[in-house]
N, C-alpha and C. Protein backbone atom coordinates (compact mmCIF):
# COMPACT_ATOMS: atom_id res chain seq x y z
N MET A 1 31.69 -10.00 -26.47
CA MET A 1 31.43 -11.02 -25.43
C MET A 1 30.63 -10.45 -24.28
N PRO A 2 29.53 -11.01 -23.89
CA PRO A 2 28.73 -10.39 -22.77
C PRO A 2 29.48 -10.73 -21.48
N HIS A 3 29.17 -9.78 -20.60
CA HIS A 3 29.77 -9.90 -19.20
C HIS A 3 29.19 -11.11 -18.51
N GLN A 4 30.11 -11.86 -17.83
CA GLN A 4 29.74 -13.15 -17.27
C GLN A 4 29.50 -12.89 -15.71
N GLY A 5 29.36 -11.66 -15.26
CA GLY A 5 29.15 -11.45 -13.83
C GLY A 5 27.64 -11.63 -13.42
N VAL A 6 27.37 -10.84 -12.48
CA VAL A 6 25.82 -11.00 -12.00
C VAL A 6 25.04 -10.11 -12.84
N LEU A 7 23.93 -10.73 -13.38
CA LEU A 7 23.00 -10.08 -14.26
C LEU A 7 21.98 -9.35 -13.50
N PRO A 8 21.51 -8.27 -13.77
CA PRO A 8 20.37 -7.51 -13.02
C PRO A 8 19.17 -8.26 -13.18
N LYS A 9 18.29 -8.22 -12.12
CA LYS A 9 16.94 -8.89 -12.13
C LYS A 9 16.15 -8.12 -13.00
N LEU A 10 15.37 -8.72 -13.93
CA LEU A 10 14.44 -8.19 -14.77
C LEU A 10 13.00 -8.09 -14.04
N PRO A 11 12.22 -7.26 -14.35
CA PRO A 11 10.97 -7.23 -13.80
C PRO A 11 10.13 -8.46 -14.15
N ARG A 12 9.27 -8.95 -13.16
CA ARG A 12 8.32 -10.12 -13.45
C ARG A 12 7.55 -9.74 -14.59
N ARG A 13 7.11 -10.77 -15.40
CA ARG A 13 6.29 -10.51 -16.49
C ARG A 13 5.08 -11.47 -16.33
N CYS A 14 3.83 -10.83 -16.54
CA CYS A 14 2.58 -11.70 -16.55
C CYS A 14 2.37 -12.16 -18.02
N ALA A 15 1.55 -13.12 -18.11
CA ALA A 15 1.39 -13.63 -19.37
C ALA A 15 0.89 -12.80 -20.50
N PRO A 16 -0.03 -11.89 -20.29
CA PRO A 16 -0.56 -10.99 -21.27
C PRO A 16 0.64 -9.94 -21.70
N CYS A 17 1.24 -9.52 -20.84
CA CYS A 17 2.48 -8.59 -21.00
C CYS A 17 3.63 -9.31 -21.70
N ALA A 18 3.93 -10.47 -21.23
CA ALA A 18 5.08 -11.30 -21.83
C ALA A 18 4.81 -11.57 -23.35
N ALA A 19 3.60 -11.81 -23.53
CA ALA A 19 3.17 -12.20 -24.98
C ALA A 19 3.44 -10.96 -25.99
N HIS A 20 3.36 -9.82 -25.43
CA HIS A 20 3.69 -8.71 -26.29
C HIS A 20 5.01 -8.00 -26.04
N GLY A 21 5.80 -8.68 -25.17
CA GLY A 21 7.18 -8.18 -24.99
C GLY A 21 7.29 -7.07 -23.96
N TYR A 22 6.36 -6.82 -23.07
CA TYR A 22 6.34 -5.71 -22.12
C TYR A 22 6.64 -6.16 -20.70
N ALA A 23 7.43 -5.50 -20.01
CA ALA A 23 7.65 -5.76 -18.56
C ALA A 23 6.34 -5.36 -17.78
N CYS A 24 5.88 -6.18 -16.85
CA CYS A 24 4.71 -5.81 -16.18
C CYS A 24 4.98 -5.16 -14.86
N THR A 25 4.43 -3.98 -14.63
CA THR A 25 4.56 -3.20 -13.44
C THR A 25 3.24 -3.10 -12.76
N MET A 26 3.24 -3.64 -11.55
CA MET A 26 1.96 -3.71 -10.72
C MET A 26 1.69 -2.35 -10.23
N VAL A 27 0.50 -1.90 -10.10
CA VAL A 27 0.09 -0.52 -9.60
C VAL A 27 0.46 -0.65 -7.99
N THR A 28 0.22 -1.61 -7.38
CA THR A 28 0.50 -1.67 -5.94
C THR A 28 1.95 -1.63 -5.68
N LYS A 29 2.85 -1.98 -6.52
CA LYS A 29 4.33 -1.83 -6.40
C LYS A 29 4.65 -0.28 -6.55
N LEU A 30 4.03 0.21 -7.48
CA LEU A 30 4.33 1.77 -7.67
C LEU A 30 3.79 2.42 -6.53
N ILE A 31 2.64 2.10 -5.90
CA ILE A 31 2.16 2.87 -4.69
C ILE A 31 3.02 2.61 -3.56
N HIS A 32 3.49 1.47 -3.33
CA HIS A 32 4.47 1.07 -2.34
C HIS A 32 5.75 1.83 -2.43
N ASP A 33 6.26 1.84 -3.73
CA ASP A 33 7.48 2.62 -3.95
C ASP A 33 7.29 4.08 -3.65
N ALA A 34 6.10 4.67 -3.79
CA ALA A 34 5.87 6.02 -3.60
C ALA A 34 5.76 6.44 -2.17
N GLY A 35 5.85 5.36 -1.22
CA GLY A 35 5.95 5.57 0.12
C GLY A 35 4.58 5.29 0.89
N LEU A 36 3.57 5.03 0.18
CA LEU A 36 2.26 4.65 0.98
C LEU A 36 2.36 3.28 1.51
N ARG A 37 1.79 2.97 2.66
CA ARG A 37 1.68 1.80 3.27
C ARG A 37 0.26 1.45 3.50
N SER A 38 -0.14 0.12 3.70
CA SER A 38 -1.50 -0.26 3.80
C SER A 38 -2.18 0.27 4.95
N TRP A 39 -1.57 0.54 6.22
CA TRP A 39 -2.24 1.15 7.32
C TRP A 39 -2.63 2.60 7.06
N GLN A 40 -1.85 3.20 6.13
CA GLN A 40 -2.15 4.71 5.85
C GLN A 40 -3.50 4.76 5.03
N LEU A 41 -3.58 3.79 4.08
CA LEU A 41 -4.78 3.90 3.34
C LEU A 41 -6.02 3.40 4.11
N HIS A 42 -5.78 2.53 5.05
CA HIS A 42 -6.87 2.07 5.96
C HIS A 42 -7.38 3.26 6.72
N VAL A 43 -6.33 3.96 7.27
CA VAL A 43 -6.67 5.20 8.06
C VAL A 43 -7.47 6.25 7.22
N ALA A 44 -6.96 6.39 5.99
CA ALA A 44 -7.64 7.34 5.10
C ALA A 44 -9.10 6.93 4.73
N SER A 45 -9.27 5.52 4.65
CA SER A 45 -10.58 5.07 4.50
C SER A 45 -11.49 5.42 5.62
N LEU A 46 -11.03 5.19 6.82
CA LEU A 46 -11.93 5.53 8.04
C LEU A 46 -12.11 7.08 8.03
N ALA A 47 -11.15 7.75 7.75
CA ALA A 47 -11.23 9.31 7.75
C ALA A 47 -12.33 9.76 6.83
N SER A 48 -12.32 9.09 5.57
CA SER A 48 -13.22 9.45 4.64
C SER A 48 -14.62 9.14 4.96
N VAL A 49 -14.89 8.13 5.79
CA VAL A 49 -16.18 7.73 6.36
C VAL A 49 -16.65 8.92 7.23
N CYS A 50 -15.66 9.46 8.06
CA CYS A 50 -16.07 10.56 8.98
C CYS A 50 -16.30 11.77 8.23
N LEU A 51 -15.53 11.99 7.15
CA LEU A 51 -15.74 13.19 6.32
C LEU A 51 -17.09 13.13 5.61
N CYS A 52 -17.45 11.97 5.18
CA CYS A 52 -18.82 11.78 4.53
C CYS A 52 -19.90 12.14 5.40
N ILE A 53 -19.83 11.54 6.72
CA ILE A 53 -20.87 11.96 7.80
C ILE A 53 -20.89 13.36 8.09
N VAL A 54 -19.77 14.06 8.13
CA VAL A 54 -19.79 15.50 8.48
C VAL A 54 -20.39 16.18 7.36
N LEU A 55 -20.05 15.92 6.11
CA LEU A 55 -20.62 16.59 4.86
C LEU A 55 -22.20 16.34 4.92
N TRP A 56 -22.68 15.09 5.17
CA TRP A 56 -24.00 14.76 5.08
C TRP A 56 -24.82 15.63 6.24
N ILE A 57 -24.24 15.75 7.40
CA ILE A 57 -24.87 16.48 8.43
C ILE A 57 -24.83 17.91 8.04
N ARG A 58 -23.80 18.49 7.45
CA ARG A 58 -23.63 19.82 6.97
C ARG A 58 -24.67 20.06 5.91
N ALA A 59 -24.90 19.03 4.98
CA ALA A 59 -25.91 19.23 3.90
C ALA A 59 -27.32 19.34 4.44
N LYS A 60 -27.57 18.92 5.66
CA LYS A 60 -28.88 19.14 6.23
C LYS A 60 -29.10 20.51 6.88
N THR A 61 -28.04 21.31 7.04
CA THR A 61 -28.04 22.58 7.74
C THR A 61 -28.20 23.66 6.65
N VAL A 62 -27.81 23.48 5.46
CA VAL A 62 -27.87 24.49 4.47
C VAL A 62 -29.23 24.64 3.86
N ASP A 63 -29.46 25.79 3.27
CA ASP A 63 -30.64 26.17 2.72
C ASP A 63 -31.16 25.17 1.51
N GLN A 64 -32.39 25.27 1.10
CA GLN A 64 -32.93 24.25 0.18
C GLN A 64 -32.24 24.31 -1.25
N ASP A 65 -31.85 25.54 -1.65
CA ASP A 65 -31.27 25.71 -2.96
C ASP A 65 -29.99 24.92 -3.09
N THR A 66 -29.06 24.97 -2.05
CA THR A 66 -27.86 24.34 -2.26
C THR A 66 -27.79 22.94 -1.55
N ARG A 67 -28.87 22.50 -1.04
CA ARG A 67 -28.87 21.16 -0.45
C ARG A 67 -28.47 19.99 -1.36
N GLY A 68 -29.07 20.12 -2.58
CA GLY A 68 -28.76 18.94 -3.41
C GLY A 68 -27.38 18.80 -3.80
N ASN A 69 -26.69 19.93 -3.99
CA ASN A 69 -25.35 19.94 -4.37
C ASN A 69 -24.47 19.43 -3.11
N ALA A 70 -24.91 19.92 -1.83
CA ALA A 70 -24.03 19.43 -0.76
C ALA A 70 -24.31 17.88 -0.48
N GLU A 71 -25.55 17.36 -0.76
CA GLU A 71 -25.78 15.93 -0.63
C GLU A 71 -24.99 15.12 -1.63
N ARG A 72 -24.87 15.67 -2.85
CA ARG A 72 -24.15 14.86 -3.88
C ARG A 72 -22.69 14.88 -3.55
N ARG A 73 -22.14 15.90 -2.92
CA ARG A 73 -20.72 15.87 -2.36
C ARG A 73 -20.60 14.88 -1.48
N ALA A 74 -21.48 14.86 -0.43
CA ALA A 74 -21.27 13.74 0.65
C ALA A 74 -21.43 12.37 0.07
N LEU A 75 -22.34 12.18 -0.83
CA LEU A 75 -22.30 10.90 -1.52
C LEU A 75 -21.15 10.52 -2.31
N PHE A 76 -20.42 11.67 -3.00
CA PHE A 76 -19.17 11.36 -3.70
C PHE A 76 -18.10 10.94 -2.91
N VAL A 77 -18.01 11.63 -1.66
CA VAL A 77 -17.08 11.41 -0.70
C VAL A 77 -17.20 9.82 -0.13
N GLY A 78 -18.51 9.42 0.04
CA GLY A 78 -18.93 8.21 0.50
C GLY A 78 -18.45 7.05 -0.37
N LEU A 79 -18.15 7.33 -1.62
CA LEU A 79 -17.50 6.34 -2.53
C LEU A 79 -16.04 6.02 -2.26
N TRP A 80 -15.44 6.90 -1.53
CA TRP A 80 -13.89 6.68 -1.36
C TRP A 80 -13.53 5.48 -0.41
N PRO A 81 -14.29 5.35 0.67
CA PRO A 81 -13.79 4.44 1.72
C PRO A 81 -13.63 3.02 1.13
N PRO A 82 -14.56 2.42 0.33
CA PRO A 82 -14.20 1.05 -0.13
C PRO A 82 -12.95 1.04 -1.06
N LEU A 83 -12.88 2.01 -1.87
CA LEU A 83 -11.77 2.12 -2.81
C LEU A 83 -10.37 2.15 -2.10
N LEU A 84 -10.35 3.04 -1.04
CA LEU A 84 -9.07 3.25 -0.26
C LEU A 84 -8.87 1.81 0.56
N TRP A 85 -9.90 1.26 1.08
CA TRP A 85 -9.66 0.15 1.92
C TRP A 85 -9.13 -0.99 1.05
N LEU A 86 -9.76 -1.23 -0.12
CA LEU A 86 -9.28 -2.28 -1.11
C LEU A 86 -7.85 -2.10 -1.55
N ILE A 87 -7.50 -0.94 -1.86
CA ILE A 87 -6.14 -0.62 -2.28
C ILE A 87 -5.15 -0.97 -1.22
N GLY A 88 -5.69 -0.66 0.16
CA GLY A 88 -4.78 -0.82 1.30
C GLY A 88 -4.59 -2.26 1.43
N ASP A 89 -5.75 -3.12 1.24
CA ASP A 89 -5.66 -4.67 1.29
C ASP A 89 -4.66 -5.14 0.27
N SER A 90 -4.74 -4.59 -0.92
CA SER A 90 -3.76 -5.13 -1.95
C SER A 90 -2.29 -4.80 -1.55
N LEU A 91 -2.14 -3.67 -0.99
CA LEU A 91 -0.73 -3.29 -0.62
C LEU A 91 -0.30 -4.25 0.53
N ARG A 92 -1.20 -4.52 1.43
CA ARG A 92 -0.99 -5.48 2.59
C ARG A 92 -0.42 -6.75 2.07
N GLU A 93 -0.98 -7.39 0.84
CA GLU A 93 -0.58 -8.67 0.41
C GLU A 93 0.89 -8.61 -0.12
N ASP A 94 1.36 -7.29 -0.63
CA ASP A 94 2.72 -7.23 -1.12
C ASP A 94 3.74 -6.92 -0.06
N GLU A 95 3.31 -6.38 1.14
CA GLU A 95 4.23 -5.92 2.19
C GLU A 95 4.68 -7.22 2.94
N PRO A 96 5.89 -7.24 3.41
CA PRO A 96 6.38 -8.36 4.26
C PRO A 96 5.73 -8.36 5.60
N GLU A 97 5.56 -9.46 6.14
CA GLU A 97 4.93 -9.52 7.43
C GLU A 97 5.87 -8.86 8.55
N ARG A 98 5.36 -8.06 9.33
CA ARG A 98 6.17 -7.41 10.39
C ARG A 98 6.87 -8.45 11.27
N GLY A 99 6.00 -9.43 11.69
CA GLY A 99 6.57 -10.40 12.54
C GLY A 99 7.64 -11.42 11.92
N ALA A 100 7.44 -11.66 10.73
CA ALA A 100 8.41 -12.45 10.01
C ALA A 100 9.69 -11.61 9.71
N LEU A 101 9.61 -10.39 9.50
CA LEU A 101 10.75 -9.54 9.29
C LEU A 101 11.49 -9.43 10.65
N ALA A 102 10.82 -9.14 11.74
CA ALA A 102 11.42 -9.07 12.99
C ALA A 102 12.21 -10.35 13.42
N ARG A 103 11.55 -11.54 13.10
CA ARG A 103 12.31 -12.80 13.35
C ARG A 103 13.56 -13.01 12.59
N VAL A 104 13.47 -12.56 11.33
CA VAL A 104 14.68 -12.61 10.50
C VAL A 104 15.74 -11.80 11.03
N LEU A 105 15.44 -10.53 11.36
CA LEU A 105 16.49 -9.66 11.86
C LEU A 105 16.99 -10.12 13.20
N LEU A 106 16.12 -10.78 14.11
CA LEU A 106 16.53 -11.28 15.38
C LEU A 106 17.54 -12.48 15.18
N ARG A 107 17.21 -13.35 14.17
CA ARG A 107 18.16 -14.41 13.90
C ARG A 107 19.52 -13.98 13.48
N ARG A 108 19.51 -12.95 12.48
CA ARG A 108 20.74 -12.33 12.00
C ARG A 108 21.56 -11.81 13.15
N THR A 109 20.97 -11.02 14.13
CA THR A 109 21.65 -10.37 15.20
C THR A 109 22.21 -11.47 16.11
N VAL A 110 21.48 -12.52 16.47
CA VAL A 110 21.94 -13.56 17.35
C VAL A 110 23.02 -14.27 16.66
N ALA A 111 22.93 -14.55 15.40
CA ALA A 111 24.00 -15.29 14.62
C ALA A 111 25.27 -14.49 14.67
N GLY A 112 25.08 -13.18 14.43
CA GLY A 112 26.21 -12.19 14.38
C GLY A 112 26.85 -12.10 15.83
N ASN A 113 26.22 -12.11 16.91
CA ASN A 113 26.82 -12.03 18.15
C ASN A 113 27.46 -13.34 18.58
N ARG A 114 26.91 -14.47 18.05
CA ARG A 114 27.59 -15.82 18.35
C ARG A 114 29.06 -15.79 17.59
N ARG A 115 29.11 -15.24 16.44
CA ARG A 115 30.35 -15.23 15.66
C ARG A 115 31.29 -14.25 16.36
N ARG A 116 30.94 -13.21 16.85
CA ARG A 116 31.75 -12.31 17.61
C ARG A 116 32.31 -12.87 18.80
N ILE A 117 31.43 -13.62 19.53
CA ILE A 117 31.89 -14.35 20.87
C ILE A 117 32.90 -15.33 20.55
N ARG A 118 32.61 -16.14 19.48
CA ARG A 118 33.66 -17.14 19.00
C ARG A 118 35.02 -16.52 18.66
N ARG A 119 34.99 -15.35 18.02
CA ARG A 119 36.31 -14.77 17.70
C ARG A 119 37.00 -14.27 18.86
N LEU A 120 36.25 -13.76 19.82
CA LEU A 120 36.81 -13.29 21.14
C LEU A 120 37.45 -14.33 21.99
N ALA A 121 36.76 -15.63 21.96
CA ALA A 121 37.21 -16.66 22.79
C ALA A 121 38.52 -17.37 22.35
């Protein structure tokens, strides 16, 4: 006889995964669980823009033989900012709003304080 208590929540399933019997794990959830937040990826995106500019300027100062390789390196790094920014935007959609979370915590604190005052009175 199965246990009648609280059942664990199963992962959400999207239609293609559910059709084949697999649980769907979103990449953004994995990134969020790893500890990365959207603001960190946005900062990394802006930093990679700066790195690209620095590499491009440096490519102009090297000799003609290695200039092509240095320019390709700068262009490769230049592909990172949109990728990092869009991943950060995807993470932001999954993160709870800071304002909403603060309001919920404030309500709980106020409600808890009211209960304590009633018990003391």
